[in-house]
Every structure is written in C-alpha cells, then in structure tokens.
PDB file of N, CA and C in Angstrom:
ATOM      1  N   MET A   1      17.445-126.811  31.128  1.00  0.00           N
ATOM      2  CA  MET A   1      18.448-126.548  31.018  1.00  0.00           C
ATOM      3  C   MET A   1      19.407-127.546  31.368  1.00  0.00           C
ATOM      4  N   GLU A   2      18.938-128.835  32.195  1.00  0.00           N
ATOM      5  CA  GLU A   2      20.037-129.774  32.187  1.00  0.00           C
ATOM      6  C   GLU A   2      19.931-130.508  30.792  1.00  0.00           C
ATOM      7  N   GLU A   3      18.938-130.405  29.667  1.00  0.00           N
ATOM      8  CA  GLU A   3      19.203-131.097  28.823  1.00  0.00           C
ATOM      9  C   GLU A   3      20.133-130.115  27.611  1.00  0.00           C
ATOM     10  N   ASP A   4      20.078-129.200  27.862  1.00  0.00           N
ATOM     11  CA  ASP A   4      21.388-128.301  26.981  1.00  0.00           C
ATOM     12  C   ASP A   4      22.438-129.010  27.888  1.00  0.00           C
ATOM     13  N   SER A   5      22.713-128.860  29.079  1.00  0.00           N
ATOM     14  CA  SER A   5      24.026-129.621  29.248  1.00  0.00           C
ATOM     15  C   SER A   5      24.705-130.535  29.079  1.00  0.00           C
ATOM     16  N   LYS A   6      23.353-131.708  29.021  1.00  0.00           N
ATOM     17  CA  LYS A   6      23.682-132.987  28.230  1.00  0.00           C
ATOM     18  C   LYS A   6      24.470-133.251  27.023  1.00  0.00           C
ATOM     19  N   LEU A   7      23.642-132.075  26.114  1.00  0.00           N
ATOM     20  CA  LEU A   7      23.464-131.984  24.781  1.00  0.00           C
ATOM     21  C   LEU A   7      25.127-131.638  24.592  1.00  0.00           C
ATOM     22  N   GLN A   8      25.524-130.707  25.431  1.00  0.00           N
ATOM     23  CA  GLN A   8      26.904-130.202  25.106  1.00  0.00           C
ATOM     24  C   GLN A   8      27.742-130.911  25.572  1.00  0.00           C
ATOM     25  N   ALA A   9      27.651-131.903  26.516  1.00  0.00           N
ATOM     26  CA  ALA A   9      28.448-133.017  26.993  1.00  0.00           C
ATOM     27  C   ALA A   9      28.846-134.332  26.398  1.00  0.00           C
ATOM     28  N   GLU A  10      27.517-134.544  25.396  1.00  0.00           N
ATOM     29  CA  GLU A  10      27.493-135.463  24.519  1.00  0.00           C
ATOM     30  C   GLU A  10      27.928-134.999  23.047  1.00  0.00           C
ATOM     31  N   ALA A  11      28.209-134.038  22.768  1.00  0.00           N
ATOM     32  CA  ALA A  11      28.638-133.546  21.363  1.00  0.00           C
ATOM     33  C   ALA A  11      29.899-133.229  21.292  1.00  0.00           C
ATOM     34  N   PRO A  12      30.678-134.179  20.466  1.00  0.00           N
ATOM     35  CA  PRO A  12      32.130-134.105  20.085  1.00  0.00           C
ATOM     36  C   PRO A  12      32.676-132.873  20.241  1.00  0.00           C
ATOM     37  N   PRO A  13      33.996-133.058  20.715  1.00  0.00           N
ATOM     38  CA  PRO A  13      34.617-131.715  20.885  1.00  0.00           C
ATOM     39  C   PRO A  13      34.808-131.193  19.448  1.00  0.00           C
ATOM     40  N   PRO A  14      34.961-129.860  19.510  1.00  0.00           N
ATOM     41  CA  PRO A  14      35.294-129.213  18.145  1.00  0.00           C
ATOM     42  C   PRO A  14      36.461-129.865  17.737  1.00  0.00           C
ATOM     43  N   GLU A  15      36.573-130.126  16.337  1.00  0.00           N
ATOM     44  CA  GLU A  15      37.959-130.521  15.784  1.00  0.00           C
ATOM     45  C   GLU A  15      39.201-129.519  15.645  1.00  0.00           C
ATOM     46  N   PRO A  16      40.433-129.589  15.957  1.00  0.00           N
ATOM     47  CA  PRO A  16      41.024-128.360  15.490  1.00  0.00           C
ATOM     48  C   PRO A  16      41.397-128.192  14.343  1.00  0.00           C
ATOM     49  N   ASP A  17      41.708-126.895  14.289  1.00  0.00           N
ATOM     50  CA  ASP A  17      41.955-126.660  12.870  1.00  0.00           C
ATOM     51  C   ASP A  17      43.847-126.907  12.969  1.00  0.00           C
ATOM     52  N   THR A  18      43.519-127.797  11.861  1.00  0.00           N
ATOM     53  CA  THR A  18      45.134-128.256  11.615  1.00  0.00           C
ATOM     54  C   THR A  18      46.058-127.441  11.085  1.00  0.00           C
ATOM     55  N   ASN A  19      45.560-126.222  10.150  1.00  0.00           N
ATOM     56  CA  ASN A  19      46.305-125.209   9.614  1.00  0.00           C
ATOM     57  C   ASN A  19      46.774-124.364  10.602  1.00  0.00           C
ATOM     58  N   THR A  20      46.021-124.145  11.862  1.00  0.00           N
ATOM     59  CA  THR A  20      46.589-123.350  12.872  1.00  0.00           C
ATOM     60  C   THR A  20      47.763-124.319  13.701  1.00  0.00           C
ATOM     61  N   GLU A  21      47.397-125.695  13.925  1.00  0.00           N
ATOM     62  CA  GLU A  21      48.384-126.555  14.438  1.00  0.00           C
ATOM     63  C   GLU A  21      49.726-126.451  14.012  1.00  0.00           C
ATOM     64  N   ALA A  22      49.475-126.843  12.783  1.00  0.00           N
ATOM     65  CA  ALA A  22      50.732-126.845  11.873  1.00  0.00           C
ATOM     66  C   ALA A  22      51.569-125.479  11.856  1.00  0.00           C
ATOM     67  N   ALA A  23      50.741-124.475  11.646  1.00  0.00           N
ATOM     68  CA  ALA A  23      51.580-123.114  11.747  1.00  0.00           C
ATOM     69  C   ALA A  23      52.169-123.180  13.259  1.00  0.00           C
ATOM     70  N   ALA A  24      51.791-123.482  14.260  1.00  0.00           N
ATOM     71  CA  ALA A  24      51.771-123.384  15.688  1.00  0.00           C
ATOM     72  C   ALA A  24      53.317-124.123  15.695  1.00  0.00           C
ATOM     73  N   VAL A  25      53.276-125.272  15.419  1.00  0.00           N
ATOM     74  CA  VAL A  25      54.406-126.492  15.208  1.00  0.00           C
ATOM     75  C   VAL A  25      55.443-125.648  14.702  1.00  0.00           C
ATOM     76  N   ASP A  26      55.151-125.570  13.177  1.00  0.00           N
ATOM     77  CA  ASP A  26      56.222-124.852  12.453  1.00  0.00           C
ATOM     78  C   ASP A  26      57.043-123.908  13.160  1.00  0.00           C
ATOM     79  N   THR A  27      56.168-122.854  13.670  1.00  0.00           N
ATOM     80  CA  THR A  27      56.862-121.367  14.513  1.00  0.00           C
ATOM     81  C   THR A  27      57.438-122.073  15.728  1.00  0.00           C
ATOM     82  N   SER A  28      56.856-122.709  16.480  1.00  0.00           N
ATOM     83  CA  SER A  28      57.955-123.475  17.938  1.00  0.00           C
ATOM     84  C   SER A  28      59.233-123.994  17.185  1.00  0.00           C
ATOM     85  N   ASP A  29      59.190-125.137  15.985  1.00  0.00           N
ATOM     86  CA  ASP A  29      60.236-125.689  15.406  1.00  0.00           C
ATOM     87  C   ASP A  29      61.317-124.193  15.089  1.00  0.00           C
ATOM     88  N   ASP A  30      60.855-123.260  14.094  1.00  0.00           N
ATOM     89  CA  ASP A  30      61.698-122.298  13.625  1.00  0.00           C
ATOM     90  C   ASP A  30      62.135-121.604  15.295  1.00  0.00           C
ATOM     91  N   THR A  31      61.502-121.270  16.075  1.00  0.00           N
ATOM     92  CA  THR A  31      61.669-120.673  17.282  1.00  0.00           C
ATOM     93  C   THR A  31      62.980-121.439  17.865  1.00  0.00           C
ATOM     94  N   PHE A  32      62.753-122.693  18.009  1.00  0.00           N
ATOM     95  CA  PHE A  32      63.521-123.720  18.545  1.00  0.00           C
ATOM     96  C   PHE A  32      65.056-123.683  17.667  1.00  0.00           C
ATOM     97  N   GLU A  33      64.838-123.829  16.423  1.00  0.00           N
ATOM     98  CA  GLU A  33      66.108-123.982  15.664  1.00  0.00           C
ATOM     99  C   GLU A  33      66.653-122.545  15.927  1.00  0.00           C
ATOM    100  N   MET A  34      66.126-121.247  15.888  1.00  0.00           N
ATOM    101  CA  MET A  34      66.550-120.238  15.965  1.00  0.00           C
ATOM    102  C   MET A  34      67.110-120.279  17.154  1.00  0.00           C
ATOM    103  N   THR A  35      66.395-120.685  18.405  1.00  0.00           N
ATOM    104  CA  THR A  35      66.885-120.702  19.620  1.00  0.00           C
ATOM    105  C   THR A  35      68.301-121.463  19.723  1.00  0.00           C
ATOM    106  N   THR A  36      68.333-122.629  19.083  1.00  0.00           N
ATOM    107  CA  THR A  36      69.518-123.296  19.317  1.00  0.00           C
ATOM    108  C   THR A  36      70.295-122.543  18.471  1.00  0.00           C
ATOM    109  N   GLY A  37      70.122-121.967  17.199  1.00  0.00           N
ATOM    110  CA  GLY A  37      71.209-121.221  16.457  1.00  0.00           C
ATOM    111  C   GLY A  37      71.579-119.831  17.237  1.00  0.00           C
ATOM    112  N   SER A  38      70.883-119.236  18.059  1.00  0.00           N
ATOM    113  CA  SER A  38      71.243-118.259  18.934  1.00  0.00           C
ATOM    114  C   SER A  38      71.947-118.854  19.949  1.00  0.00           C
ATOM    115  N   LEU A  39      71.756-119.709  20.622  1.00  0.00           N
ATOM    116  CA  LEU A  39      72.835-120.718  21.679  1.00  0.00           C
ATOM    117  C   LEU A  39      73.844-120.828  21.027  1.00  0.00           C
ATOM    118  N   ASN A  40      73.984-121.457  20.255  1.00  0.00           N
ATOM    119  CA  ASN A  40      75.380-121.779  19.669  1.00  0.00           C
ATOM    120  C   ASN A  40      76.114-120.776  19.504  1.00  0.00           C
ATOM    121  N   GLU A  41      75.406-119.587  18.921  1.00  0.00           N
ATOM    122  CA  GLU A  41      76.293-118.253  18.571  1.00  0.00           C
ATOM    123  C   GLU A  41      77.174-117.744  19.993  1.00  0.00           C
ATOM    124  N   LEU A  42      75.883-117.943  20.940  1.00  0.00           N
ATOM    125  CA  LEU A  42      76.233-117.423  22.590  1.00  0.00           C
ATOM    126  C   LEU A  42      77.550-118.277  22.526  1.00  0.00           C
ATOM    127  N   MET A  43      77.267-119.770  22.593  1.00  0.00           N
ATOM    128  CA  MET A  43      78.570-120.463  23.212  1.00  0.00           C
ATOM    129  C   MET A  43      79.435-120.293  22.319  1.00  0.00           C
ATOM    130  N   LYS A  44      79.544-119.922  21.088  1.00  0.00           N
ATOM    131  CA  LYS A  44      80.877-119.651  20.228  1.00  0.00           C
ATOM    132  C   LYS A  44      81.043-118.288  20.798  1.00  0.00           C
ATOM    133  N   SER A  45      80.353-117.215  20.981  1.00  0.00           N
ATOM    134  CA  SER A  45      81.196-116.014  21.647  1.00  0.00           C
ATOM    135  C   SER A  45      81.748-116.272  23.046  1.00  0.00           C
ATOM    136  N   MET A  46      80.897-116.775  23.730  1.00  0.00           N
ATOM    137  CA  MET A  46      81.772-117.431  25.362  1.00  0.00           C
ATOM    138  C   MET A  46      82.919-117.787  24.976  1.00  0.00           C
ATOM    139  N   GLU A  47      83.268-118.699  24.357  1.00  0.00           N
ATOM    140  CA  GLU A  47      84.067-119.409  23.859  1.00  0.00           C
ATOM    141  C   GLU A  47      85.314-118.541  23.205  1.00  0.00           C
ATOM    142  N   LEU A  48      84.794-117.790  22.281  1.00  0.00           N
ATOM    143  CA  LEU A  48      85.648-116.869  22.149  1.00  0.00           C
ATOM    144  C   LEU A  48      86.391-115.509  23.301  1.00  0.00           C
ATOM    145  N   LEU A  49      85.333-115.417  23.950  1.00  0.00           N
ATOM    146  CA  LEU A  49      85.528-114.451  25.197  1.00  0.00           C
ATOM    147  C   LEU A  49      86.222-115.418  26.093  1.00  0.00           C
ATOM    148  N   LEU A  50      86.074-116.093  26.408  1.00  0.00           N
ATOM    149  CA  LEU A  50      87.192-116.951  27.276  1.00  0.00           C
ATOM    150  C   LEU A  50      88.423-117.039  26.939  1.00  0.00           C
ATOM    151  N   SER A  51      88.518-117.474  25.563  1.00  0.00           N
ATOM    152  CA  SER A  51      89.931-117.596  24.913  1.00  0.00           C
ATOM    153  C   SER A  51      90.544-116.346  25.118  1.00  0.00           C
ATOM    154  N   ASP A  52      90.084-114.885  25.008  1.00  0.00           N
ATOM    155  CA  ASP A  52      90.553-113.601  25.047  1.00  0.00           C
ATOM    156  C   ASP A  52      91.032-113.446  26.494  1.00  0.00           C
ATOM    157  N   VAL A  53      90.499-113.829  27.502  1.00  0.00           N
ATOM    158  CA  VAL A  53      90.441-113.852  28.786  1.00  0.00           C
ATOM    159  C   VAL A  53      91.424-114.695  29.378  1.00  0.00           C
ATOM    160  N   GLU A  54      91.665-115.613  28.705  1.00  0.00           N
ATOM    161  CA  GLU A  54      92.768-116.372  29.184  1.00  0.00           C
ATOM    162  C   GLU A  54      94.315-115.842  28.462  1.00  0.00           C
ATOM    163  N   GLN A  55      94.012-115.318  27.372  1.00  0.00           N
ATOM    164  CA  GLN A  55      94.899-114.611  26.645  1.00  0.00           C
ATOM    165  C   GLN A  55      95.345-113.528  27.808  1.00  0.00           C
ATOM    166  N   LEU A  56      94.615-112.696  27.929  1.00  0.00           N
ATOM    167  CA  LEU A  56      94.844-111.319  28.609  1.00  0.00           C
ATOM    168  C   LEU A  56      95.160-111.674  29.890  1.00  0.00           C
ATOM    169  N   ARG A  57      94.791-112.690  30.554  1.00  0.00           N
ATOM    170  CA  ARG A  57      95.298-113.118  31.692  1.00  0.00           C
ATOM    171  C   ARG A  57      96.708-113.411  31.643  1.00  0.00           C
ATOM    172  N   SER A  58      97.039-114.467  30.447  1.00  0.00           N
ATOM    173  CA  SER A  58      98.310-114.757  30.563  1.00  0.00           C
ATOM    174  C   SER A  58      99.402-113.609  30.139  1.00  0.00           C
ATOM    175  N   HIS A  59      98.985-112.853  29.544  1.00  0.00           N
ATOM    176  CA  HIS A  59      99.658-111.265  29.036  1.00  0.00           C
ATOM    177  C   HIS A  59      99.884-110.910  30.478  1.00  0.00           C
ATOM    178  N   CYS A  60      98.542-110.465  31.269  1.00  0.00           N
ATOM    179  CA  CYS A  60      98.937-109.748  32.660  1.00  0.00           C
ATOM    180  C   CYS A  60      99.681-110.301  33.299  1.00  0.00           C
ATOM    181  N   SER A  61      99.888-111.457  33.362  1.00  0.00           N
ATOM    182  CA  SER A  61     100.831-112.502  34.376  1.00  0.00           C
ATOM    183  C   SER A  61     102.310-111.944  33.829  1.00  0.00           C
ATOM    184  N   ASN A  62     102.469-112.380  32.516  1.00  0.00           N
ATOM    185  CA  ASN A  62     104.087-112.277  32.122  1.00  0.00           C
ATOM    186  C   ASN A  62     103.969-110.624  32.364  1.00  0.00           C
ATOM    187  N   GLN A  63     103.470-109.484  32.311  1.00  0.00           N
ATOM    188  CA  GLN A  63     103.531-108.375  32.484  1.00  0.00           C
ATOM    189  C   GLN A  63     103.699-107.995  34.148  1.00  0.00           C
ATOM    190  N   ALA A  64     103.051-108.810  34.755  1.00  0.00           N
ATOM    191  CA  ALA A  64     103.379-108.666  36.266  1.00  0.00           C
ATOM    192  C   ALA A  64     104.858-109.240  36.892  1.00  0.00           C
ATOM    193  N   SER A  65     104.993-109.985  36.244  1.00  0.00           N
ATOM    194  CA  SER A  65     106.221-111.303  36.427  1.00  0.00           C
ATOM    195  C   SER A  65     107.130-109.981  35.739  1.00  0.00           C
ATOM    196  N   ASP A  66     107.603-109.029  35.033  1.00  0.00           N
ATOM    197  CA  ASP A  66     108.298-108.458  34.354  1.00  0.00           C
ATOM    198  C   ASP A  66     108.352-107.300  35.278  1.00  0.00           C
ATOM    199  N   LEU A  67     107.613-106.587  35.698  1.00  0.00           N
ATOM    200  CA  LEU A  67     107.296-105.658  36.404  1.00  0.00           C
ATOM    201  C   LEU A  67     107.842-105.874  37.871  1.00  0.00           C
ATOM    202  N   LEU A  68     107.650-107.075  38.588  1.00  0.00           N
ATOM    203  CA  LEU A  68     108.017-107.226  39.482  1.00  0.00           C
ATOM    204  C   LEU A  68     109.647-107.419  39.543  1.00  0.00           C
ATOM    205  N   ASN A  69     110.102-108.167  38.764  1.00  0.00           N
ATOM    206  CA  ASN A  69     111.508-108.320  38.005  1.00  0.00           C
ATOM    207  C   ASN A  69     112.093-106.936  38.017  1.00  0.00           C
ATOM    208  N   ALA A  70     111.659-106.101  37.498  1.00  0.00           N
ATOM    209  CA  ALA A  70     111.910-104.900  37.393  1.00  0.00           C
ATOM    210  C   ALA A  70     112.088-104.041  38.617  1.00  0.00           C
ATOM    211  N   ALA A  71     110.858-104.188  39.413  1.00  0.00           N
ATOM    212  CA  ALA A  71     111.049-103.592  40.520  1.00  0.00           C
ATOM    213  C   ALA A  71     112.229-104.142  41.839  1.00  0.00           C
ATOM    214  N   VAL A  72     112.450-105.252  41.505  1.00  0.00           N
ATOM    215  CA  VAL A  72     113.874-105.869  42.281  1.00  0.00           C
ATOM    216  C   VAL A  72     114.775-105.308  41.978  1.00  0.00           C
ATOM    217  N   GLU A  73     114.850-105.099  40.590  1.00  0.00           N
ATOM    218  CA  GLU A  73     116.322-104.813  39.817  1.00  0.00           C
ATOM    219  C   GLU A  73     116.581-103.257  40.146  1.00  0.00           C
ATOM    220  N   ILE A  74     115.274-102.341  40.316  1.00  0.00           N
ATOM    221  CA  ILE A  74     115.488-101.010  40.647  1.00  0.00           C
ATOM    222  C   ILE A  74     115.603-100.838  42.402  1.00  0.00           C
ATOM    223  N   LYS A  75     115.126-101.969  42.937  1.00  0.00           N
ATOM    224  CA  LYS A  75     115.640-101.636  44.149  1.00  0.00           C
ATOM    225  C   LYS A  75     117.153-101.924  44.698  1.00  0.00           C
ATOM    226  N   GLN A  76     117.650-103.138  43.895  1.00  0.00           N
ATOM    227  CA  GLN A  76     119.001-103.360  44.057  1.00  0.00           C
ATOM    228  C   GLN A  76     119.709-102.073  43.580  1.00  0.00           C
ATOM    229  N   GLN A  77     119.239-101.403  42.409  1.00  0.00           N
ATOM    230  CA  GLN A  77     119.927-100.655  42.301  1.00  0.00           C
ATOM    231  C   GLN A  77     120.139 -99.152  42.984  1.00  0.00           C
ATOM    232  N   GLN A  78     118.965 -98.973  43.720  1.00  0.00           N
ATOM    233  CA  GLN A  78     118.706 -97.971  44.480  1.00  0.00           C
ATOM    234  C   GLN A  78     119.880 -98.225  46.053  1.00  0.00           C
ATOM    235  N   GLU A  79     119.845 -99.491  46.348  1.00  0.00           N
ATOM    236  CA  GLU A  79     120.858 -99.904  47.360  1.00  0.00           C
ATOM    237  C   GLU A  79     122.086 -99.890  46.795  1.00  0.00           C
ATOM    238  N   ASP A  80     122.668 -99.993  45.271  1.00  0.00           N
ATOM    239  CA  ASP A  80     123.925 -99.804  45.235  1.00  0.00           C
ATOM    240  C   ASP A  80     124.251 -98.205  45.049  1.00  0.00           C
ATOM    241  N   LEU A  81     123.210 -97.580  44.633  1.00  0.00           N
ATOM    242  CA  LEU A  81     123.545 -96.284  44.740  1.00  0.00           C
ATOM    243  C   LEU A  81     124.112 -95.378  46.067  1.00  0.00           C
ATOM    244  N   LYS A  82     123.015 -95.992  47.114  1.00  0.00           N
ATOM    245  CA  LYS A  82     123.033 -95.276  48.607  1.00  0.00           C
ATOM    246  C   LYS A  82     124.573 -96.276  48.692  1.00  0.00           C
ATOM    247  N   GLU A  83     125.103 -97.102  48.690  1.00  0.00           N
ATOM    248  CA  GLU A  83     126.552 -97.294  49.004  1.00  0.00           C
ATOM    249  C   GLU A  83     127.324 -96.347  48.193  1.00  0.00           C
ATOM    250  N   SER A  84     127.152 -96.257  46.887  1.00  0.00           N
ATOM    251  CA  SER A  84     128.331 -95.406  46.068  1.00  0.00           C
ATOM    252  C   SER A  84     128.091 -94.315  46.827  1.00  0.00           C
ATOM    253  N   TYR A  85     126.730 -93.710  47.236  1.00  0.00           N
ATOM    254  CA  TYR A  85     126.925 -92.179  47.888  1.00  0.00           C
ATOM    255  C   TYR A  85     127.633 -92.176  48.890  1.00  0.00           C
ATOM    256  N   LEU A  86     127.330 -93.107  50.056  1.00  0.00           N
ATOM    257  CA  LEU A  86     128.086 -92.952  51.252  1.00  0.00           C
ATOM    258  C   LEU A  86     129.207 -93.168  51.175  1.00  0.00           C
ATOM    259  N   GLU A  87     130.247 -93.725  50.132  1.00  0.00           N
ATOM    260  CA  GLU A  87     131.268 -93.877  49.634  1.00  0.00           C
ATOM    261  C   GLU A  87     131.908 -92.711  49.218  1.00  0.00           C
ATOM    262  N   LEU A  88     131.441 -92.080  47.879  1.00  0.00           N
ATOM    263  CA  LEU A  88     131.758 -90.949  47.768  1.00  0.00           C
ATOM    264  C   LEU A  88     131.422 -89.984  49.126  1.00  0.00           C
ATOM    265  N   SER A  89     130.588 -89.983  50.036  1.00  0.00           N
ATOM    266  CA  SER A  89     130.673 -89.084  50.895  1.00  0.00           C
ATOM    267  C   SER A  89     131.663 -88.925  51.622  1.00  0.00           C
ATOM    268  N   ARG A  90     132.172 -90.055  52.019  1.00  0.00           N
ATOM    269  CA  ARG A  90     133.539 -90.478  52.912  1.00  0.00           C
ATOM    270  C   ARG A  90     134.485 -89.865  52.040  1.00  0.00           C
ATOM    271  N   ASP A  91     134.601 -90.360  50.882  1.00  0.00           N
ATOM    272  CA  ASP A  91     135.947 -89.723  49.751  1.00  0.00           C
ATOM    273  C   ASP A  91     136.069 -88.379  50.139  1.00  0.00           C
ATOM    274  N   MET A  92     134.939 -87.532  49.601  1.00  0.00           N
ATOM    275  CA  MET A  92     135.037 -86.123  49.702  1.00  0.00           C
ATOM    276  C   MET A  92     135.097 -85.858  51.033  1.00  0.00           C
ATOM    277  N   GLN A  93     134.574 -86.057  52.247  1.00  0.00           N
ATOM    278  CA  GLN A  93     135.161 -85.727  53.506  1.00  0.00           C
ATOM    279  C   GLN A  93     136.461 -85.949  53.888  1.00  0.00           C
ATOM    280  N   GLU A  94     137.001 -86.840  53.227  1.00  0.00           N
ATOM    281  CA  GLU A  94     138.736 -87.129  53.218  1.00  0.00           C
ATOM    282  C   GLU A  94     139.428 -86.125  52.706  1.00  0.00           C
ATOM    283  N   ILE A  95     138.850 -85.802  51.246  1.00  0.00           N
ATOM    284  CA  ILE A  95     139.341 -84.838  50.538  1.00  0.00           C
ATOM    285  C   ILE A  95     139.357 -83.490  51.313  1.00  0.00           C
ATOM    286  N   VAL A  96     138.150 -82.836  52.031  1.00  0.00           N
ATOM    287  CA  VAL A  96     138.137 -81.780  52.260  1.00  0.00           C
ATOM    288  C   VAL A  96     139.089 -81.708  53.824  1.00  0.00           C
ATOM    289  N   ASP A  97     139.236 -82.651  54.548  1.00  0.00           N
ATOM    290  CA  ASP A  97     139.785 -82.829  55.705  1.00  0.00           C
ATOM    291  C   ASP A  97     141.273 -82.637  55.192  1.00  0.00           C
ATOM    292  N   ALA A  98     141.986 -83.439  54.041  1.00  0.00           N
ATOM    293  CA  ALA A  98     143.263 -83.043  53.625  1.00  0.00           C
ATOM    294  C   ALA A  98     143.753 -81.721  53.245  1.00  0.00           C
ATOM    295  N   MET A  99     142.392 -81.074  52.245  1.00  0.00           N
ATOM    296  CA  MET A  99     142.648 -79.590  51.875  1.00  0.00           C
ATOM    297  C   MET A  99     142.900 -78.817  53.379  1.00  0.00           C
ATOM    298  N   GLU A 100     142.209 -78.837  54.178  1.00  0.00           N
ATOM    299  CA  GLU A 100     142.341 -78.229  55.400  1.00  0.00           C
ATOM    300  C   GLU A 100     143.534 -78.148  56.086  1.00  0.00           C
ATOM    301  N   GLU A 101     144.279 -79.553  56.251  1.00  0.00           N
ATOM    302  CA  GLU A 101     145.303 -79.973  56.753  1.00  0.00           C
ATOM    303  C   GLU A 101     146.609 -79.122  55.836  1.00  0.00           C
ATOM    304  N   LEU A 102     146.437 -79.449  54.565  1.00  0.00           N
ATOM    305  CA  LEU A 102     147.246 -78.698  53.531  1.00  0.00           C
ATOM    306  C   LEU A 102     147.341 -77.044  53.545  1.00  0.00           C
ATOM    307  N   PHE A 103     146.184 -76.659  53.933  1.00  0.00           N
ATOM    308  CA  PHE A 103     145.916 -75.147  53.899  1.00  0.00           C
ATOM    309  C   PHE A 103     146.667 -74.723  55.400  1.00  0.00           C
ATOM    310  N   SER A 104     146.129 -75.707  56.609  1.00  0.00           N
ATOM    311  CA  SER A 104     146.977 -75.224  57.946  1.00  0.00           C
ATOM    312  C   SER A 104     148.504 -75.478  57.259  1.00  0.00           C
ATOM    313  N   THR A 105     149.092 -76.533  57.036  1.00  0.00           N
ATOM    314  CA  THR A 105     150.779 -76.435  56.690  1.00  0.00           C
ATOM    315  C   THR A 105     150.951 -75.586  55.972  1.00  0.00           C
ATOM    316  N   LYS A 106     150.428 -74.923  54.979  1.00  0.00           N
ATOM    317  CA  LYS A 106     150.974 -73.868  54.108  1.00  0.00           C
ATOM    318  C   LYS A 106     150.738 -72.629  55.129  1.00  0.00           C
ATOM    319  N   SER A 107     149.885 -72.159  55.893  1.00  0.00           N
ATOM    320  CA  SER A 107     149.724 -71.120  56.667  1.00  0.00           C
ATOM    321  C   SER A 107     151.080 -71.411  57.630  1.00  0.00           C
ATOM    322  N   ALA A 108     151.200 -72.421  58.481  1.00  0.00           N
ATOM    323  CA  ALA A 108     152.176 -72.299  59.267  1.00  0.00           C
ATOM    324  C   ALA A 108     153.405 -72.566  58.198  1.00  0.00           C
ATOM    325  N   PHE A 109     153.768 -72.936  57.179  1.00  0.00           N
ATOM    326  CA  PHE A 109     154.749 -72.855  56.788  1.00  0.00           C
ATOM    327  C   PHE A 109     154.958 -71.218  56.505  1.00  0.00           C
ATOM    328  N   GLU A 110     154.084 -70.499  55.911  1.00  0.00           N
ATOM    329  CA  GLU A 110     154.214 -69.039  55.343  1.00  0.00           C
ATOM    330  C   GLU A 110     154.772 -68.285  56.758  1.00  0.00           C
ATOM    331  N   ALA A 111     153.789 -68.643  57.667  1.00  0.00           N
ATOM    332  CA  ALA A 111     154.136 -67.913  58.795  1.00  0.00           C
ATOM    333  C   ALA A 111     156.009 -68.552  59.470  1.00  0.00           C
ATOM    334  N   LYS A 112     156.051 -69.136  59.432  1.00  0.00           N
ATOM    335  CA  LYS A 112     157.417 -69.367  59.864  1.00  0.00           C
ATOM    336  C   LYS A 112     158.495 -68.693  58.600  1.00  0.00           C
ATOM    337  N   GLU A 113     158.148 -68.916  57.430  1.00  0.00           N
ATOM    338  CA  GLU A 113     159.158 -68.106  56.494  1.00  0.00           C
ATOM    339  C   GLU A 113     159.073 -66.665  56.633  1.00  0.00           C
ATOM    340  N   GLN A 114     158.122 -66.111  57.126  1.00  0.00           N
ATOM    341  CA  GLN A 114     157.701 -64.723  57.363  1.00  0.00           C
ATOM    342  C   GLN A 114     159.250 -64.261  58.490  1.00  0.00           C
ATOM    343  N   GLU A 115     158.949 -65.517  59.585  1.00  0.00           N
ATOM    344  CA  GLU A 115     159.369 -65.043  60.951  1.00  0.00           C
ATOM    345  C   GLU A 115     160.928 -65.348  60.281  1.00  0.00           C
ATOM    346  N   ALA A 116     160.999 -66.002  59.777  1.00  0.00           N
ATOM    347  CA  ALA A 116     162.855 -66.710  59.454  1.00  0.00           C
ATOM    348  C   ALA A 116     163.109 -65.181  58.752  1.00  0.00           C
ATOM    349  N   GLN A 117     162.203 -64.751  57.724  1.00  0.00           N
ATOM    350  CA  GLN A 117     162.935 -63.278  56.811  1.00  0.00           C
ATOM    351  C   GLN A 117     163.095 -61.909  57.864  1.00  0.00           C
ATOM    352  N   LYS A 118     162.132 -62.176  58.763  1.00  0.00           N
ATOM    353  CA  LYS A 118     162.433 -61.193  59.704  1.00  0.00           C
ATOM    354  C   LYS A 118     164.018 -61.222  60.494  1.00  0.00           C
ATOM    355  N   LEU A 119     164.170 -62.324  60.783  1.00  0.00           N
ATOM    356  CA  LEU A 119     165.143 -62.844  61.875  1.00  0.00           C
ATOM    357  C   LEU A 119     166.379 -62.405  60.939  1.00  0.00           C
ATOM    358  N   SER A 120     166.448 -63.299  59.308  1.00  0.00           N
ATOM    359  CA  SER A 120     167.488 -62.592  58.759  1.00  0.00           C
ATOM    360  C   SER A 120     168.001 -61.323  58.548  1.00  0.00           C
ATOM    361  N   LYS A 121     166.825 -60.447  58.483  1.00  0.00           N
ATOM    362  CA  LYS A 121     167.146 -58.708  58.415  1.00  0.00           C
ATOM    363  C   LYS A 121     167.496 -58.284  59.677  1.00  0.00           C
ATOM    364  N   GLN A 122     167.132 -59.043  60.685  1.00  0.00           N
ATOM    365  CA  GLN A 122     167.794 -58.461  62.009  1.00  0.00           C
ATOM    366  C   GLN A 122     169.414 -58.579  62.274  1.00  0.00           C
ATOM    367  N   PHE A 123     169.641 -59.801  61.577  1.00  0.00           N
ATOM    368  CA  PHE A 123     170.854 -60.228  61.636  1.00  0.00           C
ATOM    369  C   PHE A 123     171.817 -59.734  60.622  1.00  0.00           C
TER     370      PHE A 123
END
C-alpha cells in the first residue's frame, strides 16, 4: 500500500486539457465582456434616470413655487374680498337705516297732513 502511494506521489500530475481551459478562458472573457457591456448599459440607464429625476425635480420645484405664489395671491384676494364684503355690509346697513328714517319721516308727514286736513274741514 505504501508503494502505491509513493507511485502516485512520484507520478507527474495529469496534463490539463488545453481545449477545456481555453474554452473556460474564452467563456470568462465573454462573460467579462458581457458583464462589462451590461454594466455600461446599466450606467447609461442610470445616468438617463438621474437626468430624468433632475428634470422632474426642477419641474416640481417650479410648480411648487408657482403654487405657492398662487396660494399667496388667493390669500390676498380673500382678504380683499373680506374687506369689500364688510364695506358693502356697512353701506347696506346705512342704506337700510336711511330707508327706515325716510319711511318714518313719510309716515310722520302723512299723519300731519291728515291732521291738517281734519283741521281745515273743521274750520
């Protein structure tokens, strides 16, 4: 048994199959080239996505700014409308008060006129 292990130890290692190694190398080169190509495509896709994201961010930022300006403008219009409403309410109240005074004056005048007619009939 010792002789068999000595023979195996002294025997030269089997020669590698060069066709298999070449095929493995070629496959790994192809795989490397394919991986490099895939990575390059992935990088280009990522760059395009990043560019799209930047454009969208810029667009959203502009829209947000426009919306903020519109909100401020609407808030100012709301305040202006409140002031106008209050002013119109005061004006309407003054008109109602003036009309009530005119009706009171008219009623008082009509009452005095009737009284004057009664007195003139008596004389």
